[in-house]
Amino acid sequence: MMELQLTAAFLNAMVLQAGQAAIPPATGAAIGFGLAAIGAGYAERSIGSAAVGAIAEDRGMLGYGVLLTVIPETIVIFGLVVVFLLQ
């Protein structure tokens, strides 16, 4: 419990410096969007390779492959929407 209190106090001191946020909101949004895009790319890599293998074996899996490959991209689209709403 003591470690949790020390960590919370450290984070509180790091976030608030003289009443201002240590990281500007736009920078935080950019970092969040960048991490979401990296995560989506990482997920899409695995899904895309599996989809290509499935389509190579059975041509009827094309629709499922495209659908499952597009799903991670929605995270990036939502991130773009949030970035434009914050501006």
N, C-alpha and C. Protein backbone atom coordinates (compact mmCIF):
# COMPACT_ATOMS: atom_id res chain seq x y z
N MET A 1 0.83 -1.20 0.00
CA MET A 1 0.00 0.00 0.00
C MET A 1 0.86 1.25 0.00
N MET A 2 1.99 1.18 0.67
CA MET A 2 2.88 2.33 0.73
C MET A 2 3.44 2.67 -0.65
N GLU A 3 3.76 1.60 -1.44
CA GLU A 3 4.28 1.83 -2.78
C GLU A 3 3.25 2.52 -3.65
N LEU A 4 1.99 2.15 -3.50
CA LEU A 4 0.92 2.75 -4.28
C LEU A 4 0.78 4.23 -3.96
N GLN A 5 0.87 4.58 -2.69
CA GLN A 5 0.77 5.98 -2.29
C GLN A 5 1.95 6.78 -2.82
N LEU A 6 3.15 6.21 -2.76
CA LEU A 6 4.32 6.91 -3.28
C LEU A 6 4.23 7.10 -4.78
N THR A 7 3.73 6.09 -5.48
CA THR A 7 3.59 6.19 -6.92
C THR A 7 2.56 7.26 -7.29
N ALA A 8 1.44 7.29 -6.58
CA ALA A 8 0.42 8.30 -6.86
C ALA A 8 0.95 9.69 -6.58
N ALA A 9 1.71 9.85 -5.51
CA ALA A 9 2.27 11.17 -5.20
C ALA A 9 3.29 11.58 -6.25
N PHE A 10 4.09 10.63 -6.72
CA PHE A 10 5.08 10.94 -7.76
C PHE A 10 4.40 11.35 -9.05
N LEU A 11 3.36 10.61 -9.45
CA LEU A 11 2.65 10.93 -10.68
C LEU A 11 1.94 12.27 -10.57
N ASN A 12 1.37 12.55 -9.41
CA ASN A 12 0.69 13.82 -9.21
C ASN A 12 1.69 14.97 -9.32
N ALA A 13 2.87 14.81 -8.74
CA ALA A 13 3.89 15.86 -8.82
C ALA A 13 4.40 16.01 -10.25
N MET A 14 4.44 14.90 -11.00
CA MET A 14 4.95 14.97 -12.36
C MET A 14 3.94 15.62 -13.29
N VAL A 15 2.65 15.33 -13.08
CA VAL A 15 1.62 15.87 -13.97
C VAL A 15 1.39 17.35 -13.71
N LEU A 16 1.35 17.76 -12.48
CA LEU A 16 1.09 19.15 -12.16
C LEU A 16 2.38 19.86 -11.76
N GLN A 17 2.76 20.80 -12.55
CA GLN A 17 3.92 21.61 -12.23
C GLN A 17 3.47 23.06 -12.24
N ALA A 18 3.41 23.65 -11.08
CA ALA A 18 2.99 25.05 -10.92
C ALA A 18 1.60 25.28 -11.49
N GLY A 19 0.69 24.33 -11.31
CA GLY A 19 -0.68 24.49 -11.74
C GLY A 19 -0.93 24.23 -13.21
N GLN A 20 0.10 23.88 -13.95
CA GLN A 20 -0.06 23.60 -15.37
C GLN A 20 0.23 22.13 -15.63
N ALA A 21 -0.37 21.60 -16.65
CA ALA A 21 -0.11 20.22 -17.02
C ALA A 21 1.30 20.09 -17.56
N ALA A 22 2.00 19.02 -17.18
CA ALA A 22 3.36 18.82 -17.66
C ALA A 22 3.37 18.51 -19.15
N ILE A 23 2.33 17.85 -19.63
CA ILE A 23 2.22 17.54 -21.06
C ILE A 23 1.01 18.28 -21.59
N PRO A 24 1.19 19.11 -22.62
CA PRO A 24 0.03 19.80 -23.21
C PRO A 24 -0.98 18.81 -23.77
N PRO A 25 -2.26 19.16 -23.77
CA PRO A 25 -3.29 18.24 -24.26
C PRO A 25 -3.07 17.77 -25.69
N ALA A 26 -2.61 18.65 -26.56
CA ALA A 26 -2.38 18.26 -27.95
C ALA A 26 -1.26 17.23 -28.05
N THR A 27 -0.23 17.39 -27.22
CA THR A 27 0.86 16.42 -27.22
C THR A 27 0.38 15.07 -26.69
N GLY A 28 -0.44 15.10 -25.66
CA GLY A 28 -1.01 13.86 -25.14
C GLY A 28 -1.87 13.16 -26.17
N ALA A 29 -2.64 13.94 -26.92
CA ALA A 29 -3.48 13.35 -27.97
C ALA A 29 -2.62 12.75 -29.08
N ALA A 30 -1.53 13.43 -29.42
CA ALA A 30 -0.64 12.92 -30.46
C ALA A 30 0.04 11.62 -30.01
N ILE A 31 0.47 11.58 -28.74
CA ILE A 31 1.08 10.36 -28.23
C ILE A 31 0.07 9.21 -28.22
N GLY A 32 -1.14 9.49 -27.77
CA GLY A 32 -2.18 8.46 -27.76
C GLY A 32 -2.52 7.96 -29.14
N PHE A 33 -2.61 8.88 -30.09
CA PHE A 33 -2.91 8.49 -31.46
C PHE A 33 -1.77 7.67 -32.06
N GLY A 34 -0.55 8.08 -31.80
CA GLY A 34 0.60 7.34 -32.33
C GLY A 34 0.67 5.92 -31.77
N LEU A 35 0.42 5.78 -30.47
CA LEU A 35 0.44 4.45 -29.87
C LEU A 35 -0.71 3.58 -30.41
N ALA A 36 -1.87 4.20 -30.63
CA ALA A 36 -2.99 3.45 -31.21
C ALA A 36 -2.67 2.99 -32.63
N ALA A 37 -2.00 3.84 -33.39
CA ALA A 37 -1.64 3.48 -34.77
C ALA A 37 -0.60 2.36 -34.78
N ILE A 38 0.35 2.41 -33.85
CA ILE A 38 1.35 1.35 -33.78
C ILE A 38 0.68 0.03 -33.39
N GLY A 39 -0.23 0.08 -32.42
CA GLY A 39 -0.94 -1.13 -32.00
C GLY A 39 -1.79 -1.71 -33.13
N ALA A 40 -2.44 -0.83 -33.88
CA ALA A 40 -3.26 -1.31 -35.00
C ALA A 40 -2.38 -1.93 -36.08
N GLY A 41 -1.24 -1.34 -36.34
CA GLY A 41 -0.33 -1.91 -37.32
C GLY A 41 0.20 -3.27 -36.89
N TYR A 42 0.49 -3.39 -35.61
CA TYR A 42 0.97 -4.67 -35.07
C TYR A 42 -0.11 -5.74 -35.19
N ALA A 43 -1.35 -5.38 -34.88
CA ALA A 43 -2.45 -6.34 -34.99
C ALA A 43 -2.73 -6.69 -36.45
N GLU A 44 -2.66 -5.70 -37.29
CA GLU A 44 -2.97 -5.92 -38.70
C GLU A 44 -1.93 -6.80 -39.38
N ARG A 45 -0.70 -6.74 -38.88
CA ARG A 45 0.35 -7.60 -39.43
C ARG A 45 -0.01 -9.07 -39.25
N SER A 46 -0.41 -9.42 -38.06
CA SER A 46 -0.75 -10.83 -37.78
C SER A 46 -2.03 -11.25 -38.50
N ILE A 47 -3.01 -10.38 -38.45
CA ILE A 47 -4.29 -10.71 -39.09
C ILE A 47 -4.13 -10.80 -40.60
N GLY A 48 -3.36 -9.90 -41.18
CA GLY A 48 -3.17 -9.90 -42.63
C GLY A 48 -2.47 -11.15 -43.13
N SER A 49 -1.43 -11.57 -42.41
CA SER A 49 -0.73 -12.78 -42.86
C SER A 49 -1.60 -14.02 -42.72
N ALA A 50 -2.39 -14.09 -41.65
CA ALA A 50 -3.30 -15.22 -41.49
C ALA A 50 -4.40 -15.19 -42.55
N ALA A 51 -4.87 -14.00 -42.89
CA ALA A 51 -5.92 -13.88 -43.90
C ALA A 51 -5.41 -14.30 -45.27
N VAL A 52 -4.18 -13.91 -45.60
CA VAL A 52 -3.62 -14.31 -46.90
C VAL A 52 -3.48 -15.83 -46.98
N GLY A 53 -3.04 -16.45 -45.88
CA GLY A 53 -2.93 -17.91 -45.87
C GLY A 53 -4.28 -18.58 -46.01
N ALA A 54 -5.30 -18.04 -45.33
CA ALA A 54 -6.64 -18.63 -45.43
C ALA A 54 -7.22 -18.45 -46.82
N ILE A 55 -6.98 -17.29 -47.43
CA ILE A 55 -7.50 -17.04 -48.78
C ILE A 55 -6.79 -17.92 -49.79
N ALA A 56 -5.50 -18.20 -49.57
CA ALA A 56 -4.76 -19.07 -50.48
C ALA A 56 -5.32 -20.49 -50.46
N GLU A 57 -5.80 -20.93 -49.30
CA GLU A 57 -6.35 -22.28 -49.22
C GLU A 57 -7.81 -22.35 -49.68
N ASP A 58 -8.57 -21.31 -49.35
CA ASP A 58 -10.00 -21.32 -49.69
C ASP A 58 -10.40 -19.94 -50.16
N ARG A 59 -10.76 -19.83 -51.42
CA ARG A 59 -11.09 -18.54 -52.03
C ARG A 59 -12.32 -17.90 -51.38
N GLY A 60 -13.17 -18.68 -50.77
CA GLY A 60 -14.38 -18.17 -50.14
C GLY A 60 -14.11 -17.39 -48.86
N MET A 61 -12.89 -17.42 -48.36
CA MET A 61 -12.54 -16.69 -47.14
C MET A 61 -12.15 -15.24 -47.41
N LEU A 62 -12.26 -14.80 -48.65
CA LEU A 62 -11.85 -13.44 -49.01
C LEU A 62 -12.60 -12.37 -48.21
N GLY A 63 -13.90 -12.51 -48.11
CA GLY A 63 -14.70 -11.53 -47.37
C GLY A 63 -14.32 -11.46 -45.90
N TYR A 64 -14.14 -12.64 -45.28
CA TYR A 64 -13.74 -12.66 -43.87
C TYR A 64 -12.34 -12.06 -43.70
N GLY A 65 -11.46 -12.37 -44.62
CA GLY A 65 -10.10 -11.85 -44.53
C GLY A 65 -10.05 -10.33 -44.61
N VAL A 66 -10.80 -9.78 -45.55
CA VAL A 66 -10.85 -8.32 -45.69
C VAL A 66 -11.50 -7.69 -44.46
N LEU A 67 -12.58 -8.27 -43.99
CA LEU A 67 -13.27 -7.73 -42.82
C LEU A 67 -12.36 -7.73 -41.58
N LEU A 68 -11.71 -8.84 -41.33
CA LEU A 68 -10.85 -8.92 -40.16
C LEU A 68 -9.60 -8.05 -40.29
N THR A 69 -9.16 -7.79 -41.50
CA THR A 69 -8.00 -6.92 -41.70
C THR A 69 -8.38 -5.46 -41.49
N VAL A 70 -9.61 -5.09 -41.78
CA VAL A 70 -10.05 -3.70 -41.66
C VAL A 70 -10.38 -3.32 -40.22
N ILE A 71 -10.75 -4.28 -39.39
CA ILE A 71 -11.18 -3.97 -38.01
C ILE A 71 -10.13 -3.18 -37.23
N PRO A 72 -8.84 -3.53 -37.23
CA PRO A 72 -7.87 -2.72 -36.47
C PRO A 72 -7.75 -1.28 -36.98
N GLU A 73 -8.04 -1.07 -38.24
CA GLU A 73 -7.94 0.28 -38.79
C GLU A 73 -8.98 1.23 -38.21
N THR A 74 -10.09 0.68 -37.69
CA THR A 74 -11.10 1.55 -37.10
C THR A 74 -10.55 2.27 -35.88
N ILE A 75 -9.59 1.65 -35.18
CA ILE A 75 -8.96 2.32 -34.04
C ILE A 75 -8.24 3.57 -34.50
N VAL A 76 -7.55 3.48 -35.61
CA VAL A 76 -6.82 4.65 -36.14
C VAL A 76 -7.80 5.71 -36.61
N ILE A 77 -8.90 5.30 -37.22
CA ILE A 77 -9.90 6.27 -37.67
C ILE A 77 -10.51 6.99 -36.48
N PHE A 78 -10.84 6.25 -35.42
CA PHE A 78 -11.38 6.89 -34.21
C PHE A 78 -10.34 7.83 -33.60
N GLY A 79 -9.09 7.45 -33.63
CA GLY A 79 -8.03 8.33 -33.12
C GLY A 79 -7.94 9.61 -33.91
N LEU A 80 -8.05 9.53 -35.22
CA LEU A 80 -8.05 10.74 -36.06
C LEU A 80 -9.24 11.65 -35.73
N VAL A 81 -10.38 11.04 -35.52
CA VAL A 81 -11.56 11.83 -35.17
C VAL A 81 -11.34 12.57 -33.87
N VAL A 82 -10.78 11.90 -32.88
CA VAL A 82 -10.51 12.55 -31.58
C VAL A 82 -9.50 13.67 -31.73
N VAL A 83 -8.45 13.45 -32.52
CA VAL A 83 -7.44 14.50 -32.71
C VAL A 83 -8.07 15.73 -33.36
N PHE A 84 -8.93 15.53 -34.36
CA PHE A 84 -9.55 16.68 -35.00
C PHE A 84 -10.57 17.35 -34.11
N LEU A 85 -11.22 16.59 -33.23
CA LEU A 85 -12.16 17.21 -32.31
C LEU A 85 -11.46 18.04 -31.24
N LEU A 86 -10.24 17.68 -30.89
CA LEU A 86 -9.52 18.44 -29.87
C LEU A 86 -8.92 19.73 -30.41
N GLN A 87 -8.84 19.87 -31.71
CA GLN A 87 -8.23 21.08 -32.26
C GLN A 87 -9.23 22.21 -32.35
